[in-house]
N, C-alpha and C. Protein backbone atom coordinates (compact mmCIF):
# COMPACT_ATOMS: atom_id res chain seq x y z
N MET A 1 240.44 137.15 309.15
CA MET A 1 241.78 136.99 309.65
C MET A 1 241.71 136.19 310.94
N ASP A 2 242.57 135.22 311.07
CA ASP A 2 242.70 134.46 312.32
C ASP A 2 243.71 135.14 313.21
N ILE A 3 243.35 135.28 314.47
CA ILE A 3 244.31 135.79 315.45
C ILE A 3 244.36 134.81 316.61
N PRO A 4 245.49 134.76 317.31
CA PRO A 4 245.62 133.83 318.43
C PRO A 4 244.65 134.17 319.57
N LYS A 5 244.39 133.18 320.40
CA LYS A 5 243.52 133.37 321.55
C LYS A 5 244.12 134.37 322.54
N PHE A 6 245.44 134.35 322.70
CA PHE A 6 246.14 135.28 323.58
C PHE A 6 247.19 136.05 322.80
N LEU A 7 247.36 137.32 323.16
CA LEU A 7 248.41 138.15 322.60
C LEU A 7 249.20 138.75 323.75
N PHE A 8 250.48 138.92 323.52
CA PHE A 8 251.39 139.52 324.50
C PHE A 8 251.49 141.00 324.16
N GLY A 9 251.24 141.89 325.13
CA GLY A 9 251.27 143.32 324.87
C GLY A 9 252.35 144.02 325.67
N ASP A 10 252.89 145.07 325.08
CA ASP A 10 253.96 145.85 325.71
C ASP A 10 253.72 147.31 325.35
N ASN A 11 254.09 148.21 326.27
CA ASN A 11 253.93 149.62 326.02
C ASN A 11 254.98 150.37 326.83
N THR A 12 255.74 151.23 326.17
CA THR A 12 256.83 151.94 326.86
C THR A 12 256.32 152.93 327.90
N ASP A 13 255.04 153.32 327.83
CA ASP A 13 254.47 154.18 328.86
C ASP A 13 254.27 153.44 330.18
N TYR A 14 254.28 152.12 330.12
CA TYR A 14 254.14 151.27 331.31
C TYR A 14 255.27 150.25 331.29
N PRO A 15 256.49 150.67 331.61
CA PRO A 15 257.66 149.82 331.40
C PRO A 15 257.68 148.53 332.23
N SER A 16 257.02 148.50 333.37
CA SER A 16 257.06 147.27 334.17
C SER A 16 255.81 146.41 333.98
N ALA A 17 254.85 146.88 333.21
CA ALA A 17 253.60 146.14 332.98
C ALA A 17 253.81 145.01 331.99
N ILE A 18 253.08 143.94 332.20
CA ILE A 18 253.09 142.78 331.29
C ILE A 18 251.62 142.53 330.94
N PHE A 19 251.22 142.92 329.73
CA PHE A 19 249.84 142.81 329.32
C PHE A 19 249.62 141.53 328.50
N ILE A 20 248.56 140.81 328.85
CA ILE A 20 248.11 139.68 328.05
C ILE A 20 246.69 140.01 327.61
N ILE A 21 246.43 139.91 326.31
CA ILE A 21 245.13 140.23 325.75
C ILE A 21 244.46 138.93 325.34
N HIS A 22 243.27 138.70 325.87
CA HIS A 22 242.46 137.53 325.51
C HIS A 22 241.50 137.98 324.42
N THR A 23 241.57 137.37 323.23
CA THR A 23 240.86 137.87 322.06
C THR A 23 239.52 137.19 321.82
N GLU A 24 239.21 136.15 322.58
CA GLU A 24 237.94 135.45 322.41
C GLU A 24 236.99 135.85 323.54
N TYR A 25 235.71 135.56 323.37
CA TYR A 25 234.74 135.89 324.41
C TYR A 25 235.01 135.08 325.66
N PRO A 26 235.03 135.68 326.79
CA PRO A 26 234.92 137.09 327.10
C PRO A 26 236.29 137.77 326.96
N ARG A 27 236.35 138.79 326.16
CA ARG A 27 237.61 139.47 325.87
C ARG A 27 238.04 140.32 327.07
N PHE A 28 239.35 140.29 327.34
CA PHE A 28 239.88 141.09 328.44
C PHE A 28 241.36 141.34 328.24
N ILE A 29 241.88 142.29 329.01
CA ILE A 29 243.31 142.54 329.10
C ILE A 29 243.68 142.40 330.57
N ILE A 30 244.71 141.61 330.84
CA ILE A 30 245.19 141.46 332.21
C ILE A 30 246.63 141.95 332.28
N ASN A 31 246.92 142.69 333.31
CA ASN A 31 248.28 143.14 333.57
C ASN A 31 248.86 142.17 334.60
N LEU A 32 249.77 141.34 334.19
CA LEU A 32 250.33 140.33 335.08
C LEU A 32 251.19 140.93 336.19
N GLU A 33 251.58 142.17 336.04
CA GLU A 33 252.36 142.83 337.09
C GLU A 33 251.54 142.96 338.38
N ASN A 34 250.25 143.28 338.23
CA ASN A 34 249.42 143.51 339.41
C ASN A 34 248.06 142.80 339.35
N ASP A 35 247.86 141.95 338.35
CA ASP A 35 246.62 141.18 338.15
C ASP A 35 245.40 142.06 337.91
N GLU A 36 245.60 143.29 337.49
CA GLU A 36 244.47 144.16 337.15
C GLU A 36 243.88 143.70 335.82
N VAL A 37 242.55 143.63 335.78
CA VAL A 37 241.85 143.14 334.59
C VAL A 37 240.92 144.23 334.07
N ILE A 38 240.92 144.40 332.76
CA ILE A 38 239.96 145.27 332.10
C ILE A 38 239.16 144.39 331.15
N TRP A 39 237.87 144.34 331.37
CA TRP A 39 236.98 143.56 330.50
C TRP A 39 236.61 144.39 329.29
N LEU A 40 236.63 143.77 328.13
CA LEU A 40 236.27 144.44 326.89
C LEU A 40 234.86 144.06 326.45
N GLU A 41 234.08 143.56 327.39
CA GLU A 41 232.70 143.15 327.16
C GLU A 41 231.84 143.79 328.25
N GLU A 42 230.56 143.88 327.99
CA GLU A 42 229.61 144.28 329.01
C GLU A 42 228.82 143.04 329.40
N PHE A 43 228.59 142.87 330.71
CA PHE A 43 227.94 141.67 331.21
C PHE A 43 226.68 142.00 332.00
N SER A 44 225.71 141.12 331.89
CA SER A 44 224.52 141.22 332.74
C SER A 44 224.86 140.59 334.09
N MET A 45 224.00 140.75 335.06
CA MET A 45 224.22 140.16 336.38
C MET A 45 224.31 138.64 336.28
N GLU A 46 223.49 138.02 335.43
CA GLU A 46 223.53 136.57 335.23
C GLU A 46 224.88 136.15 334.65
N ASP A 47 225.35 136.91 333.66
CA ASP A 47 226.63 136.60 333.03
C ASP A 47 227.77 136.71 334.04
N GLU A 48 227.71 137.68 334.93
CA GLU A 48 228.78 137.88 335.90
C GLU A 48 228.94 136.68 336.82
N LYS A 49 227.83 136.04 337.20
CA LYS A 49 227.91 134.86 338.05
C LYS A 49 228.62 133.72 337.33
N GLU A 50 228.26 133.51 336.07
CA GLU A 50 228.91 132.46 335.28
C GLU A 50 230.38 132.80 335.05
N LEU A 51 230.64 134.06 334.84
CA LEU A 51 231.99 134.50 334.50
C LEU A 51 232.97 134.29 335.65
N GLU A 52 232.52 134.38 336.88
CA GLU A 52 233.40 134.22 338.03
C GLU A 52 234.15 132.89 337.97
N ALA A 53 233.44 131.82 337.68
CA ALA A 53 234.07 130.50 337.61
C ALA A 53 235.00 130.39 336.40
N GLU A 54 234.55 130.90 335.27
CA GLU A 54 235.34 130.81 334.05
C GLU A 54 236.57 131.72 334.10
N ALA A 55 236.45 132.86 334.76
CA ALA A 55 237.52 133.83 334.79
C ALA A 55 238.79 133.26 335.41
N ARG A 56 238.67 132.53 336.48
CA ARG A 56 239.84 131.95 337.14
C ARG A 56 240.62 131.07 336.16
N GLU A 57 239.91 130.25 335.41
CA GLU A 57 240.57 129.38 334.42
C GLU A 57 241.23 130.21 333.32
N LEU A 58 240.55 131.26 332.88
CA LEU A 58 241.11 132.11 331.82
C LEU A 58 242.36 132.84 332.29
N PHE A 59 242.36 133.30 333.53
CA PHE A 59 243.54 134.00 334.05
C PHE A 59 244.71 133.03 334.20
N GLU A 60 244.43 131.79 334.61
CA GLU A 60 245.49 130.78 334.68
C GLU A 60 246.03 130.49 333.29
N ALA A 61 245.14 130.40 332.30
CA ALA A 61 245.58 130.15 330.92
C ALA A 61 246.43 131.32 330.41
N ALA A 62 246.08 132.55 330.79
CA ALA A 62 246.87 133.71 330.39
C ALA A 62 248.27 133.64 330.99
N ASN A 63 248.37 133.24 332.24
CA ASN A 63 249.68 133.08 332.88
C ASN A 63 250.49 131.98 332.22
N GLU A 64 249.85 130.88 331.88
CA GLU A 64 250.54 129.78 331.19
C GLU A 64 251.03 130.23 329.82
N PHE A 65 250.21 131.00 329.11
CA PHE A 65 250.62 131.54 327.82
C PHE A 65 251.87 132.41 327.99
N TYR A 66 251.87 133.28 328.98
CA TYR A 66 253.03 134.14 329.24
C TYR A 66 254.28 133.31 329.52
N ASP A 67 254.16 132.32 330.40
CA ASP A 67 255.30 131.47 330.73
C ASP A 67 255.84 130.76 329.49
N ARG A 68 254.93 130.28 328.65
CA ARG A 68 255.34 129.59 327.41
C ARG A 68 256.07 130.55 326.48
N GLU A 69 255.52 131.76 326.31
CA GLU A 69 256.15 132.73 325.42
C GLU A 69 257.53 133.14 325.92
N ILE A 70 257.65 133.40 327.20
CA ILE A 70 258.95 133.78 327.76
C ILE A 70 259.94 132.63 327.61
N GLY A 71 259.48 131.41 327.81
CA GLY A 71 260.34 130.25 327.62
C GLY A 71 260.87 130.15 326.20
N ARG A 72 260.05 130.51 325.25
CA ARG A 72 260.48 130.47 323.84
C ARG A 72 261.53 131.54 323.55
N TYR A 73 261.40 132.71 324.20
CA TYR A 73 262.41 133.76 324.02
C TYR A 73 263.75 133.32 324.61
N GLU A 74 263.69 132.62 325.73
CA GLU A 74 264.92 132.21 326.41
C GLU A 74 265.63 131.10 325.66
N ASP A 75 264.89 130.32 324.86
CA ASP A 75 265.51 129.24 324.09
C ASP A 75 266.20 129.83 322.91
């Protein structure tokens, strides 16, 4: 099954949270309300150094995905 790189998540237990799920490596969930990130992978110390640079780009892409999705709802 193919799934999109990003998914938009919602949960009534967290009414003000805006969750974006990144489904490709490195998988994570970011709450755009407070920028809290939960990684769904385990990383070695070497991986963490590489991830720091990549993470910023991934978080920006998650925000762009959210903006695009909201724009589509408004249209």
